[in-house]
Amino acid sequence: MTRQTYTQPKCPECQYRKPPSEFRDPATHEPLPACKHCMRKAQRAGGQRWTA
């Protein structure tokens, strides 16, 4: 059995380890600086579209 916990990237915003798919834009598949949850949160707070 392989341990996945330490291979998952950690979100710099919420400090949670999440699967790599959480750090990709579903539309463009670009890598994101934070997980999707934090990106949406930042988008609501800031109003402008975030850039990867």
C-alpha atoms as a PDB file:
ATOM      1  CA  MET A   1       0.000   0.000   0.000  1.00  0.00           C
ATOM      2  CA  THR A   2       1.384   3.388  -0.950  1.00  0.00           C
ATOM      3  CA  ARG A   3       1.021   6.434   1.254  1.00  0.00           C
ATOM      4  CA  GLN A   4      -0.512   9.343  -0.623  1.00  0.00           C
ATOM      5  CA  THR A   5      -0.610  11.897   2.187  1.00  0.00           C
ATOM      6  CA  TYR A   6       2.842  13.413   1.780  1.00  0.00           C
ATOM      7  CA  THR A   7       2.749  13.432  -2.035  1.00  0.00           C
ATOM      8  CA  GLN A   8      -0.339  15.632  -2.159  1.00  0.00           C
ATOM      9  CA  PRO A   9       0.394  19.336  -2.575  1.00  0.00           C
ATOM     10  CA  LYS A  10      -0.528  21.639   0.290  1.00  0.00           C
ATOM     11  CA  CYS A  11      -2.625  24.704  -0.370  1.00  0.00           C
ATOM     12  CA  PRO A  12      -0.760  27.838   0.782  1.00  0.00           C
ATOM     13  CA  GLU A  13      -4.079  29.505   1.680  1.00  0.00           C
ATOM     14  CA  CYS A  14      -5.915  26.933   3.808  1.00  0.00           C
ATOM     15  CA  GLN A  15      -2.917  24.669   4.617  1.00  0.00           C
ATOM     16  CA  TYR A  16      -4.867  21.518   3.682  1.00  0.00           C
ATOM     17  CA  ARG A  17      -3.330  18.766   1.602  1.00  0.00           C
ATOM     18  CA  LYS A  18      -5.516  18.099  -1.412  1.00  0.00           C
ATOM     19  CA  PRO A  19      -5.318  15.961  -4.562  1.00  0.00           C
ATOM     20  CA  PRO A  20      -3.420  17.530  -7.490  1.00  0.00           C
ATOM     21  CA  SER A  21      -6.705  17.889  -9.406  1.00  0.00           C
ATOM     22  CA  GLU A  22      -7.737  20.527  -6.846  1.00  0.00           C
ATOM     23  CA  PHE A  23      -4.878  22.723  -8.060  1.00  0.00           C
ATOM     24  CA  ARG A  24      -5.884  22.741 -11.730  1.00  0.00           C
ATOM     25  CA  ASP A  25      -8.327  25.050 -13.438  1.00  0.00           C
ATOM     26  CA  PRO A  26     -11.155  22.809 -14.696  1.00  0.00           C
ATOM     27  CA  ALA A  27     -11.658  24.969 -17.790  1.00  0.00           C
ATOM     28  CA  THR A  28      -8.082  25.627 -18.915  1.00  0.00           C
ATOM     29  CA  HIS A  29      -6.240  22.917 -16.919  1.00  0.00           C
ATOM     30  CA  GLU A  30      -3.679  25.508 -15.880  1.00  0.00           C
ATOM     31  CA  PRO A  31      -1.969  24.993 -12.524  1.00  0.00           C
ATOM     32  CA  LEU A  32      -3.435  27.206  -9.814  1.00  0.00           C
ATOM     33  CA  PRO A  33      -1.502  28.898  -6.967  1.00  0.00           C
ATOM     34  CA  ALA A  34      -4.096  27.643  -4.453  1.00  0.00           C
ATOM     35  CA  CYS A  35      -6.846  25.027  -4.311  1.00  0.00           C
ATOM     36  CA  LYS A  36     -10.151  25.592  -6.118  1.00  0.00           C
ATOM     37  CA  HIS A  37     -11.970  26.348  -2.869  1.00  0.00           C
ATOM     38  CA  CYS A  38      -9.539  29.134  -1.935  1.00  0.00           C
ATOM     39  CA  MET A  39      -9.502  30.484  -5.479  1.00  0.00           C
ATOM     40  CA  ARG A  40     -13.287  30.814  -5.458  1.00  0.00           C
ATOM     41  CA  LYS A  41     -13.131  32.447  -2.036  1.00  0.00           C
ATOM     42  CA  ALA A  42     -10.519  34.932  -3.262  1.00  0.00           C
ATOM     43  CA  GLN A  43     -12.549  35.612  -6.383  1.00  0.00           C
ATOM     44  CA  ARG A  44     -15.620  36.501  -4.317  1.00  0.00           C
ATOM     45  CA  ALA A  45     -13.623  38.703  -1.960  1.00  0.00           C
ATOM     46  CA  GLY A  46     -11.530  40.493  -4.598  1.00  0.00           C
ATOM     47  CA  GLY A  47     -13.965  40.636  -7.480  1.00  0.00           C
ATOM     48  CA  GLN A  48     -11.293  40.369 -10.179  1.00  0.00           C
ATOM     49  CA  ARG A  49     -10.431  37.139 -11.957  1.00  0.00           C
ATOM     50  CA  TRP A  50      -7.393  35.435 -10.471  1.00  0.00           C
ATOM     51  CA  THR A  51      -4.379  34.555 -12.586  1.00  0.00           C
ATOM     52  CA  ALA A  52      -2.423  31.337 -12.222  1.00  0.00           C
END
